[in-house]
Amino acid sequence: MNRSIVLLGLMALVAVAPAMGQVKRGIYKEVPYNNDPDTFCKKGYPPHNWMAIDGKRGLWTIINPQAPLNTQHIGTFMYVCRQGGVATEPKYGADKGGGSSDPAATF
């Protein structure tokens, strides 16, 4: 009887272990420059004919209007750089603006 309990416990552990490794820790986006978001947000991606104007706001511009524009990384640039260089899940709720320390001021 003890053997069957131990065997059942081991089977349950084996069944649960893979699910434990699949914890969602945010949204990951790979960026150019050896996956360096700081460089990516400062420069943009000139090889695709666009560069960053203000990475923190996700603003970019075309370098040469006569050359073709490759938009492959623009969405990633706008998403990752607005998050401060770290791609995380979007936060919902009131935006704390104005620098007030009063909790009621956020509503």
PDB file of N, CA and C in Angstrom:
ATOM      1  N   MET A   1       0.823  -1.186   0.000  1.00  0.00           N
ATOM      2  CA  MET A   1       0.000   0.000   0.000  1.00  0.00           C
ATOM      3  C   MET A   1       0.874   1.258   0.000  1.00  0.00           C
ATOM      4  N   ASN A   2       1.948   1.264   0.828  1.00  0.00           N
ATOM      5  CA  ASN A   2       2.833   2.427   0.865  1.00  0.00           C
ATOM      6  C   ASN A   2       3.504   2.644  -0.486  1.00  0.00           C
ATOM      7  N   ARG A   3       3.825   1.543  -1.156  1.00  0.00           N
ATOM      8  CA  ARG A   3       4.453   1.647  -2.473  1.00  0.00           C
ATOM      9  C   ARG A   3       3.526   2.321  -3.472  1.00  0.00           C
ATOM     10  N   SER A   4       2.263   1.971  -3.437  1.00  0.00           N
ATOM     11  CA  SER A   4       1.309   2.556  -4.377  1.00  0.00           C
ATOM     12  C   SER A   4       1.105   4.046  -4.088  1.00  0.00           C
ATOM     13  N   ILE A   5       1.158   4.452  -2.838  1.00  0.00           N
ATOM     14  CA  ILE A   5       1.029   5.874  -2.491  1.00  0.00           C
ATOM     15  C   ILE A   5       2.246   6.648  -2.980  1.00  0.00           C
ATOM     16  N   VAL A   6       3.423   6.087  -2.778  1.00  0.00           N
ATOM     17  CA  VAL A   6       4.646   6.738  -3.247  1.00  0.00           C
ATOM     18  C   VAL A   6       4.647   6.821  -4.765  1.00  0.00           C
ATOM     19  N   LEU A   7       4.249   5.751  -5.426  1.00  0.00           N
ATOM     20  CA  LEU A   7       4.187   5.741  -6.878  1.00  0.00           C
ATOM     21  C   LEU A   7       3.174   6.767  -7.392  1.00  0.00           C
ATOM     22  N   LEU A   8       2.039   6.867  -6.766  1.00  0.00           N
ATOM     23  CA  LEU A   8       1.021   7.843  -7.147  1.00  0.00           C
ATOM     24  C   LEU A   8       1.535   9.267  -6.937  1.00  0.00           C
ATOM     25  N   GLY A   9       2.249   9.488  -5.834  1.00  0.00           N
ATOM     26  CA  GLY A   9       2.829  10.806  -5.561  1.00  0.00           C
ATOM     27  C   GLY A   9       3.868  11.197  -6.602  1.00  0.00           C
ATOM     28  N   LEU A  10       4.720  10.246  -6.995  1.00  0.00           N
ATOM     29  CA  LEU A  10       5.722  10.524  -8.030  1.00  0.00           C
ATOM     30  C   LEU A  10       5.070  10.812  -9.377  1.00  0.00           C
ATOM     31  N   MET A  11       4.016  10.081  -9.705  1.00  0.00           N
ATOM     32  CA  MET A  11       3.313  10.323 -10.962  1.00  0.00           C
ATOM     33  C   MET A  11       2.677  11.710 -10.967  1.00  0.00           C
ATOM     34  N   ALA A  12       2.123  12.124  -9.838  1.00  0.00           N
ATOM     35  CA  ALA A  12       1.523  13.460  -9.746  1.00  0.00           C
ATOM     36  C   ALA A  12       2.600  14.537  -9.874  1.00  0.00           C
ATOM     37  N   LEU A  13       3.755  14.328  -9.279  1.00  0.00           N
ATOM     38  CA  LEU A  13       4.851  15.283  -9.363  1.00  0.00           C
ATOM     39  C   LEU A  13       5.358  15.424 -10.800  1.00  0.00           C
ATOM     40  N   VAL A  14       5.466  14.314 -11.498  1.00  0.00           N
ATOM     41  CA  VAL A  14       5.919  14.341 -12.889  1.00  0.00           C
ATOM     42  C   VAL A  14       4.893  15.071 -13.762  1.00  0.00           C
ATOM     43  N   ALA A  15       3.623  14.924 -13.453  1.00  0.00           N
ATOM     44  CA  ALA A  15       2.579  15.578 -14.239  1.00  0.00           C
ATOM     45  C   ALA A  15       2.539  17.086 -13.992  1.00  0.00           C
ATOM     46  N   VAL A  16       2.873  17.525 -12.785  1.00  0.00           N
ATOM     47  CA  VAL A  16       2.792  18.941 -12.420  1.00  0.00           C
ATOM     48  C   VAL A  16       4.076  19.688 -12.757  1.00  0.00           C
ATOM     49  N   ALA A  17       5.209  19.060 -12.768  1.00  0.00           N
ATOM     50  CA  ALA A  17       6.500  19.726 -12.968  1.00  0.00           C
ATOM     51  C   ALA A  17       6.586  20.532 -14.262  1.00  0.00           C
ATOM     52  N   PRO A  18       6.145  20.024 -15.418  1.00  0.00           N
ATOM     53  CA  PRO A  18       6.232  20.858 -16.623  1.00  0.00           C
ATOM     54  C   PRO A  18       5.391  22.124 -16.536  1.00  0.00           C
ATOM     55  N   ALA A  19       4.245  22.076 -15.884  1.00  0.00           N
ATOM     56  CA  ALA A  19       3.398  23.256 -15.757  1.00  0.00           C
ATOM     57  C   ALA A  19       4.040  24.308 -14.857  1.00  0.00           C
ATOM     58  N   MET A  20       4.849  23.896 -13.917  1.00  0.00           N
ATOM     59  CA  MET A  20       5.506  24.843 -13.014  1.00  0.00           C
ATOM     60  C   MET A  20       6.558  25.665 -13.744  1.00  0.00           C
ATOM     61  N   GLY A  21       7.142  25.144 -14.786  1.00  0.00           N
ATOM     62  CA  GLY A  21       8.166  25.857 -15.529  1.00  0.00           C
ATOM     63  C   GLY A  21       7.612  26.850 -16.534  1.00  0.00           C
ATOM     64  N   GLN A  22       6.318  26.902 -16.711  1.00  0.00           N
ATOM     65  CA  GLN A  22       5.711  27.763 -17.711  1.00  0.00           C
ATOM     66  C   GLN A  22       5.081  28.999 -17.084  1.00  0.00           C
ATOM     67  N   VAL A  23       5.768  29.639 -16.156  1.00  0.00           N
ATOM     68  CA  VAL A  23       5.276  30.842 -15.501  1.00  0.00           C
ATOM     69  C   VAL A  23       5.451  32.013 -16.448  1.00  0.00           C
ATOM     70  N   LYS A  24       4.405  32.801 -16.642  1.00  0.00           N
ATOM     71  CA  LYS A  24       4.472  33.957 -17.534  1.00  0.00           C
ATOM     72  C   LYS A  24       5.109  35.121 -16.783  1.00  0.00           C
ATOM     73  N   ARG A  25       6.238  35.604 -17.284  1.00  0.00           N
ATOM     74  CA  ARG A  25       6.968  36.678 -16.614  1.00  0.00           C
ATOM     75  C   ARG A  25       6.978  37.960 -17.429  1.00  0.00           C
ATOM     76  N   GLY A  26       6.027  38.175 -18.269  1.00  0.00           N
ATOM     77  CA  GLY A  26       6.000  39.367 -19.109  1.00  0.00           C
ATOM     78  C   GLY A  26       6.112  38.980 -20.567  1.00  0.00           C
ATOM     79  N   ILE A  27       6.042  39.959 -21.397  1.00  0.00           N
ATOM     80  CA  ILE A  27       6.108  39.742 -22.832  1.00  0.00           C
ATOM     81  C   ILE A  27       7.516  40.028 -23.295  1.00  0.00           C
ATOM     82  N   TYR A  28       8.098  39.114 -24.018  1.00  0.00           N
ATOM     83  CA  TYR A  28       9.474  39.259 -24.479  1.00  0.00           C
ATOM     84  C   TYR A  28       9.479  39.548 -25.965  1.00  0.00           C
ATOM     85  N   LYS A  29      10.201  40.566 -26.360  1.00  0.00           N
ATOM     86  CA  LYS A  29      10.373  40.903 -27.771  1.00  0.00           C
ATOM     87  C   LYS A  29      11.863  40.996 -28.047  1.00  0.00           C
ATOM     88  N   GLU A  30      12.303  40.303 -29.071  1.00  0.00           N
ATOM     89  CA  GLU A  30      13.706  40.364 -29.449  1.00  0.00           C
ATOM     90  C   GLU A  30      13.938  41.601 -30.301  1.00  0.00           C
ATOM     91  N   VAL A  31      15.029  42.315 -30.046  1.00  0.00           N
ATOM     92  CA  VAL A  31      15.358  43.540 -30.777  1.00  0.00           C
ATOM     93  C   VAL A  31      16.734  43.402 -31.423  1.00  0.00           C
ATOM     94  N   PRO A  32      17.032  44.217 -32.450  1.00  0.00           N
ATOM     95  CA  PRO A  32      18.356  44.179 -33.085  1.00  0.00           C
ATOM     96  C   PRO A  32      19.465  44.626 -32.135  1.00  0.00           C
ATOM     97  N   TYR A  33      20.678  44.710 -32.637  1.00  0.00           N
ATOM     98  CA  TYR A  33      21.881  45.087 -31.883  1.00  0.00           C
ATOM     99  C   TYR A  33      22.168  44.078 -30.774  1.00  0.00           C
ATOM    100  N   ASN A  34      22.223  42.818 -31.123  1.00  0.00           N
ATOM    101  CA  ASN A  34      22.481  41.730 -30.168  1.00  0.00           C
ATOM    102  C   ASN A  34      21.515  41.765 -28.992  1.00  0.00           C
ATOM    103  N   ASN A  35      20.269  42.076 -29.306  1.00  0.00           N
ATOM    104  CA  ASN A  35      19.190  42.108 -28.316  1.00  0.00           C
ATOM    105  C   ASN A  35      19.452  43.143 -27.220  1.00  0.00           C
ATOM    106  N   ASP A  36      19.958  44.316 -27.608  1.00  0.00           N
ATOM    107  CA  ASP A  36      20.238  45.412 -26.680  1.00  0.00           C
ATOM    108  C   ASP A  36      19.186  46.502 -26.864  1.00  0.00           C
ATOM    109  N   PRO A  37      18.162  46.548 -26.002  1.00  0.00           N
ATOM    110  CA  PRO A  37      17.092  47.531 -26.189  1.00  0.00           C
ATOM    111  C   PRO A  37      17.563  48.976 -26.016  1.00  0.00           C
ATOM    112  N   ASP A  38      18.586  49.233 -25.205  1.00  0.00           N
ATOM    113  CA  ASP A  38      19.067  50.603 -25.029  1.00  0.00           C
ATOM    114  C   ASP A  38      19.609  51.164 -26.339  1.00  0.00           C
ATOM    115  N   THR A  39      20.452  50.415 -27.013  1.00  0.00           N
ATOM    116  CA  THR A  39      20.998  50.855 -28.295  1.00  0.00           C
ATOM    117  C   THR A  39      19.885  50.966 -29.330  1.00  0.00           C
ATOM    118  N   PHE A  40      18.993  50.002 -29.359  1.00  0.00           N
ATOM    119  CA  PHE A  40      17.889  50.005 -30.312  1.00  0.00           C
ATOM    120  C   PHE A  40      17.007  51.236 -30.124  1.00  0.00           C
ATOM    121  N   CYS A  41      16.719  51.606 -28.874  1.00  0.00           N
ATOM    122  CA  CYS A  41      15.850  52.749 -28.612  1.00  0.00           C
ATOM    123  C   CYS A  41      16.559  54.080 -28.876  1.00  0.00           C
ATOM    124  N   LYS A  42      17.873  54.116 -28.802  1.00  0.00           N
ATOM    125  CA  LYS A  42      18.618  55.346 -29.083  1.00  0.00           C
ATOM    126  C   LYS A  42      18.816  55.558 -30.581  1.00  0.00           C
ATOM    127  N   LYS A  43      19.074  54.485 -31.323  1.00  0.00           N
ATOM    128  CA  LYS A  43      19.421  54.604 -32.735  1.00  0.00           C
ATOM    129  C   LYS A  43      18.272  54.334 -33.694  1.00  0.00           C
ATOM    130  N   GLY A  44      17.325  53.505 -33.288  1.00  0.00           N
ATOM    131  CA  GLY A  44      16.363  53.008 -34.267  1.00  0.00           C
ATOM    132  C   GLY A  44      17.032  51.893 -35.044  1.00  0.00           C
ATOM    133  N   TYR A  45      16.768  51.815 -36.345  1.00  0.00           N
ATOM    134  CA  TYR A  45      17.434  50.794 -37.150  1.00  0.00           C
ATOM    135  C   TYR A  45      17.757  51.360 -38.530  1.00  0.00           C
ATOM    136  N   PRO A  46      18.853  52.132 -38.628  1.00  0.00           N
ATOM    137  CA  PRO A  46      19.234  52.752 -39.908  1.00  0.00           C
ATOM    138  C   PRO A  46      19.371  51.794 -41.086  1.00  0.00           C
ATOM    139  N   PRO A  47      19.794  50.536 -40.926  1.00  0.00           N
ATOM    140  CA  PRO A  47      19.848  49.658 -42.097  1.00  0.00           C
ATOM    141  C   PRO A  47      18.483  49.465 -42.777  1.00  0.00           C
ATOM    142  N   HIS A  48      17.397  49.724 -42.063  1.00  0.00           N
ATOM    143  CA  HIS A  48      16.050  49.610 -42.641  1.00  0.00           C
ATOM    144  C   HIS A  48      15.488  50.978 -43.018  1.00  0.00           C
ATOM    145  N   ASN A  49      16.348  52.008 -43.043  1.00  0.00           N
ATOM    146  CA  ASN A  49      16.002  53.358 -43.489  1.00  0.00           C
ATOM    147  C   ASN A  49      15.112  54.123 -42.507  1.00  0.00           C
ATOM    148  N   TRP A  50      15.252  53.874 -41.231  1.00  0.00           N
ATOM    149  CA  TRP A  50      14.566  54.703 -40.239  1.00  0.00           C
ATOM    150  C   TRP A  50      15.431  54.816 -38.997  1.00  0.00           C
ATOM    151  N   MET A  51      15.243  55.915 -38.255  1.00  0.00           N
ATOM    152  CA  MET A  51      16.022  56.149 -37.038  1.00  0.00           C
ATOM    153  C   MET A  51      15.123  56.709 -35.949  1.00  0.00           C
ATOM    154  N   ALA A  52      15.593  56.596 -34.729  1.00  0.00           N
ATOM    155  CA  ALA A  52      14.832  57.075 -33.583  1.00  0.00           C
ATOM    156  C   ALA A  52      14.930  58.589 -33.474  1.00  0.00           C
ATOM    157  N   ILE A  53      13.822  59.226 -33.149  1.00  0.00           N
ATOM    158  CA  ILE A  53      13.816  60.649 -32.796  1.00  0.00           C
ATOM    159  C   ILE A  53      13.759  60.747 -31.276  1.00  0.00           C
ATOM    160  N   ASP A  54      12.771  60.094 -30.693  1.00  0.00           N
ATOM    161  CA  ASP A  54      12.594  60.060 -29.241  1.00  0.00           C
ATOM    162  C   ASP A  54      12.142  58.643 -28.879  1.00  0.00           C
ATOM    163  N   GLY A  55      13.095  57.811 -28.483  1.00  0.00           N
ATOM    164  CA  GLY A  55      12.795  56.417 -28.197  1.00  0.00           C
ATOM    165  C   GLY A  55      11.821  56.229 -27.058  1.00  0.00           C
ATOM    166  N   LYS A  56      11.887  57.091 -26.034  1.00  0.00           N
ATOM    167  CA  LYS A  56      11.005  56.934 -24.871  1.00  0.00           C
ATOM    168  C   LYS A  56       9.542  57.144 -25.238  1.00  0.00           C
ATOM    169  N   ARG A  57       9.294  57.887 -26.299  1.00  0.00           N
ATOM    170  CA  ARG A  57       7.920  58.090 -26.761  1.00  0.00           C
ATOM    171  C   ARG A  57       7.606  57.231 -27.979  1.00  0.00           C
ATOM    172  N   GLY A  58       8.578  56.480 -28.469  1.00  0.00           N
ATOM    173  CA  GLY A  58       8.369  55.604 -29.615  1.00  0.00           C
ATOM    174  C   GLY A  58       8.307  56.351 -30.938  1.00  0.00           C
ATOM    175  N   LEU A  59       8.966  57.514 -31.018  1.00  0.00           N
ATOM    176  CA  LEU A  59       8.941  58.318 -32.238  1.00  0.00           C
ATOM    177  C   LEU A  59      10.142  58.002 -33.120  1.00  0.00           C
ATOM    178  N   TRP A  60       9.898  57.908 -34.418  1.00  0.00           N
ATOM    179  CA  TRP A  60      10.945  57.578 -35.384  1.00  0.00           C
ATOM    180  C   TRP A  60      10.713  58.385 -36.650  1.00  0.00           C
ATOM    181  N   THR A  61      11.706  58.425 -37.535  1.00  0.00           N
ATOM    182  CA  THR A  61      11.579  59.122 -38.807  1.00  0.00           C
ATOM    183  C   THR A  61      12.315  58.352 -39.898  1.00  0.00           C
ATOM    184  N   ILE A  62      11.922  58.623 -41.121  1.00  0.00           N
ATOM    185  CA  ILE A  62      12.582  58.032 -42.288  1.00  0.00           C
ATOM    186  C   ILE A  62      13.894  58.774 -42.523  1.00  0.00           C
ATOM    187  N   ILE A  63      14.961  58.061 -42.826  1.00  0.00           N
ATOM    188  CA  ILE A  63      16.257  58.676 -43.084  1.00  0.00           C
ATOM    189  C   ILE A  63      16.304  59.246 -44.495  1.00  0.00           C
ATOM    190  N   ASN A  64      15.968  58.457 -45.486  1.00  0.00           N
ATOM    191  CA  ASN A  64      16.009  58.884 -46.883  1.00  0.00           C
ATOM    192  C   ASN A  64      14.645  58.616 -47.510  1.00  0.00           C
ATOM    193  N   PRO A  65      13.866  59.669 -47.775  1.00  0.00           N
ATOM    194  CA  PRO A  65      12.524  59.452 -48.335  1.00  0.00           C
ATOM    195  C   PRO A  65      12.536  58.798 -49.721  1.00  0.00           C
ATOM    196  N   GLN A  66      13.660  58.858 -50.422  1.00  0.00           N
ATOM    197  CA  GLN A  66      13.738  58.280 -51.770  1.00  0.00           C
ATOM    198  C   GLN A  66      13.992  56.766 -51.730  1.00  0.00           C
ATOM    199  N   ALA A  67      14.515  56.274 -50.620  1.00  0.00           N
ATOM    200  CA  ALA A  67      14.847  54.849 -50.486  1.00  0.00           C
ATOM    201  C   ALA A  67      13.651  54.096 -49.893  1.00  0.00           C
ATOM    202  N   PRO A  68      13.554  52.790 -50.148  1.00  0.00           N
ATOM    203  CA  PRO A  68      12.444  52.016 -49.583  1.00  0.00           C
ATOM    204  C   PRO A  68      12.573  51.885 -48.062  1.00  0.00           C
ATOM    205  N   LEU A  69      11.437  51.846 -47.412  1.00  0.00           N
ATOM    206  CA  LEU A  69      11.372  51.729 -45.952  1.00  0.00           C
ATOM    207  C   LEU A  69      11.009  50.298 -45.583  1.00  0.00           C
ATOM    208  N   ASN A  70      11.817  49.684 -44.718  1.00  0.00           N
ATOM    209  CA  ASN A  70      11.517  48.351 -44.205  1.00  0.00           C
ATOM    210  C   ASN A  70      10.918  48.534 -42.811  1.00  0.00           C
ATOM    211  N   THR A  71       9.683  48.156 -42.623  1.00  0.00           N
ATOM    212  CA  THR A  71       8.965  48.383 -41.362  1.00  0.00           C
ATOM    213  C   THR A  71       9.035  47.196 -40.402  1.00  0.00           C
ATOM    214  N   GLN A  72       9.923  46.267 -40.637  1.00  0.00           N
ATOM    215  CA  GLN A  72       9.979  45.030 -39.850  1.00  0.00           C
ATOM    216  C   GLN A  72      10.082  45.278 -38.346  1.00  0.00           C
ATOM    217  N   HIS A  73      10.920  46.200 -37.899  1.00  0.00           N
ATOM    218  CA  HIS A  73      11.157  46.385 -36.463  1.00  0.00           C
ATOM    219  C   HIS A  73      10.469  47.617 -35.880  1.00  0.00           C
ATOM    220  N   ILE A  74       9.687  48.344 -36.660  1.00  0.00           N
ATOM    221  CA  ILE A  74       9.101  49.595 -36.167  1.00  0.00           C
ATOM    222  C   ILE A  74       8.083  49.338 -35.056  1.00  0.00           C
ATOM    223  N   GLY A  75       7.225  48.358 -35.212  1.00  0.00           N
ATOM    224  CA  GLY A  75       6.251  48.045 -34.160  1.00  0.00           C
ATOM    225  C   GLY A  75       6.931  47.640 -32.864  1.00  0.00           C
ATOM    226  N   THR A  76       7.979  46.853 -32.969  1.00  0.00           N
ATOM    227  CA  THR A  76       8.736  46.450 -31.783  1.00  0.00           C
ATOM    228  C   THR A  76       9.399  47.665 -31.138  1.00  0.00           C
ATOM    229  N   PHE A  77       9.959  48.557 -31.956  1.00  0.00           N
ATOM    230  CA  PHE A  77      10.570  49.784 -31.451  1.00  0.00           C
ATOM    231  C   PHE A  77       9.557  50.603 -30.659  1.00  0.00           C
ATOM    232  N   MET A  78       8.386  50.815 -31.223  1.00  0.00           N
ATOM    233  CA  MET A  78       7.375  51.627 -30.550  1.00  0.00           C
ATOM    234  C   MET A  78       6.903  50.976 -29.252  1.00  0.00           C
ATOM    235  N   TYR A  79       6.775  49.671 -29.249  1.00  0.00           N
ATOM    236  CA  TYR A  79       6.296  48.968 -28.051  1.00  0.00           C
ATOM    237  C   TYR A  79       7.352  48.888 -26.957  1.00  0.00           C
ATOM    238  N   VAL A  80       8.543  48.425 -27.310  1.00  0.00           N
ATOM    239  CA  VAL A  80       9.593  48.195 -26.312  1.00  0.00           C
ATOM    240  C   VAL A  80      10.114  49.512 -25.752  1.00  0.00           C
ATOM    241  N   CYS A  81      10.350  50.486 -26.603  1.00  0.00           N
ATOM    242  CA  CYS A  81      10.965  51.729 -26.145  1.00  0.00           C
ATOM    243  C   CYS A  81      10.018  52.566 -25.297  1.00  0.00           C
ATOM    244  N   ARG A  82       8.730  52.484 -25.535  1.00  0.00           N
ATOM    245  CA  ARG A  82       7.769  53.189 -24.674  1.00  0.00           C
ATOM    246  C   ARG A  82       7.747  52.588 -23.276  1.00  0.00           C
ATOM    247  N   GLN A  83       8.141  51.328 -23.146  1.00  0.00           N
ATOM    248  CA  GLN A  83       8.169  50.655 -21.847  1.00  0.00           C
ATOM    249  C   GLN A  83       9.466  50.921 -21.104  1.00  0.00           C
ATOM    250  N   GLY A  84      10.318  51.777 -21.623  1.00  0.00           N
ATOM    251  CA  GLY A  84      11.595  52.066 -20.975  1.00  0.00           C
ATOM    252  C   GLY A  84      12.673  51.070 -21.363  1.00  0.00           C
ATOM    253  N   GLY A  85      12.515  50.398 -22.487  1.00  0.00           N
ATOM    254  CA  GLY A  85      13.520  49.451 -22.945  1.00  0.00           C
ATOM    255  C   GLY A  85      13.285  48.040 -22.463  1.00  0.00           C
ATOM    256  N   VAL A  86      12.238  47.832 -21.676  1.00  0.00           N
ATOM    257  CA  VAL A  86      11.920  46.498 -21.184  1.00  0.00           C
ATOM    258  C   VAL A  86      10.480  46.195 -21.570  1.00  0.00           C
ATOM    259  N   ALA A  87      10.284  45.182 -22.346  1.00  0.00           N
ATOM    260  CA  ALA A  87       8.929  44.834 -22.757  1.00  0.00           C
ATOM    261  C   ALA A  87       8.213  44.116 -21.629  1.00  0.00           C
ATOM    262  N   THR A  88       7.124  44.703 -21.158  1.00  0.00           N
ATOM    263  CA  THR A  88       6.331  44.102 -20.095  1.00  0.00           C
ATOM    264  C   THR A  88       4.877  44.103 -20.525  1.00  0.00           C
ATOM    265  N   GLU A  89       4.042  43.491 -19.722  1.00  0.00           N
ATOM    266  CA  GLU A  89       2.621  43.476 -20.034  1.00  0.00           C
ATOM    267  C   GLU A  89       2.048  44.873 -19.830  1.00  0.00           C
ATOM    268  N   PRO A  90       1.064  45.269 -20.648  1.00  0.00           N
ATOM    269  CA  PRO A  90       0.460  46.586 -20.469  1.00  0.00           C
ATOM    270  C   PRO A  90      -0.230  46.681 -19.122  1.00  0.00           C
ATOM    271  N   LYS A  91      -0.155  47.845 -18.517  1.00  0.00           N
ATOM    272  CA  LYS A  91      -0.794  48.075 -17.221  1.00  0.00           C
ATOM    273  C   LYS A  91      -2.127  48.774 -17.459  1.00  0.00           C
ATOM    274  N   TYR A  92      -3.151  48.327 -16.784  1.00  0.00           N
ATOM    275  CA  TYR A  92      -4.476  48.893 -16.944  1.00  0.00           C
ATOM    276  C   TYR A  92      -4.817  49.719 -15.718  1.00  0.00           C
ATOM    277  N   GLY A  93      -5.698  50.679 -15.882  1.00  0.00           N
ATOM    278  CA  GLY A  93      -6.132  51.493 -14.757  1.00  0.00           C
ATOM    279  C   GLY A  93      -5.731  52.936 -14.939  1.00  0.00           C
ATOM    280  N   ALA A  94      -5.867  53.710 -13.876  1.00  0.00           N
ATOM    281  CA  ALA A  94      -5.584  55.144 -13.921  1.00  0.00           C
ATOM    282  C   ALA A  94      -4.092  55.392 -14.089  1.00  0.00           C
ATOM    283  N   ASP A  95      -3.777  56.398 -14.871  1.00  0.00           N
ATOM    284  CA  ASP A  95      -2.391  56.803 -15.085  1.00  0.00           C
ATOM    285  C   ASP A  95      -2.036  57.830 -14.022  1.00  0.00           C
ATOM    286  N   LYS A  96      -0.948  57.613 -13.307  1.00  0.00           N
ATOM    287  CA  LYS A  96      -0.530  58.552 -12.265  1.00  0.00           C
ATOM    288  C   LYS A  96       0.249  59.674 -12.923  1.00  0.00           C
ATOM    289  N   GLY A  97      -0.387  60.759 -13.163  1.00  0.00           N
ATOM    290  CA  GLY A  97       0.269  61.888 -13.793  1.00  0.00           C
ATOM    291  C   GLY A  97       0.269  63.085 -12.870  1.00  0.00           C
ATOM    292  N   GLY A  98       1.040  64.089 -13.219  1.00  0.00           N
ATOM    293  CA  GLY A  98       1.029  65.333 -12.466  1.00  0.00           C
ATOM    294  C   GLY A  98       1.941  65.348 -11.260  1.00  0.00           C
ATOM    295  N   GLY A  99       2.522  64.255 -10.869  1.00  0.00           N
ATOM    296  CA  GLY A  99       3.479  64.232  -9.773  1.00  0.00           C
ATOM    297  C   GLY A  99       2.854  64.398  -8.396  1.00  0.00           C
ATOM    298  N   SER A 100       1.562  64.254  -8.251  1.00  0.00           N
ATOM    299  CA  SER A 100       0.912  64.418  -6.959  1.00  0.00           C
ATOM    300  C   SER A 100       1.133  63.169  -6.116  1.00  0.00           C
ATOM    301  N   SER A 101       1.347  63.369  -4.816  1.00  0.00           N
ATOM    302  CA  SER A 101       1.508  62.232  -3.911  1.00  0.00           C
ATOM    303  C   SER A 101       0.177  61.829  -3.292  1.00  0.00           C
ATOM    304  N   ASP A 102      -0.896  62.572  -3.597  1.00  0.00           N
ATOM    305  CA  ASP A 102      -2.211  62.289  -3.070  1.00  0.00           C
ATOM    306  C   ASP A 102      -2.843  61.122  -3.852  1.00  0.00           C
ATOM    307  N   PRO A 103      -3.157  59.983  -3.184  1.00  0.00           N
ATOM    308  CA  PRO A 103      -3.732  58.839  -3.898  1.00  0.00           C
ATOM    309  C   PRO A 103      -5.056  59.166  -4.577  1.00  0.00           C
ATOM    310  N   ALA A 104      -5.823  60.096  -4.022  1.00  0.00           N
ATOM    311  CA  ALA A 104      -7.114  60.459  -4.615  1.00  0.00           C
ATOM    312  C   ALA A 104      -6.933  61.224  -5.931  1.00  0.00           C
ATOM    313  N   ALA A 105      -5.749  61.797  -6.158  1.00  0.00           N
ATOM    314  CA  ALA A 105      -5.517  62.589  -7.359  1.00  0.00           C
ATOM    315  C   ALA A 105      -5.338  61.716  -8.596  1.00  0.00           C
ATOM    316  N   THR A 106      -5.237  60.409  -8.428  1.00  0.00           N
ATOM    317  CA  THR A 106      -5.023  59.527  -9.578  1.00  0.00           C
ATOM    318  C   THR A 106      -6.338  59.126 -10.236  1.00  0.00           C
ATOM    319  N   PHE A 107      -7.469  59.532  -9.661  1.00  0.00           N
ATOM    320  CA  PHE A 107      -8.776  59.144 -10.209  1.00  0.00           C
ATOM    321  C   PHE A 107      -9.340  60.196 -11.104  1.00  0.00           C
TER     322      PHE A 107
END
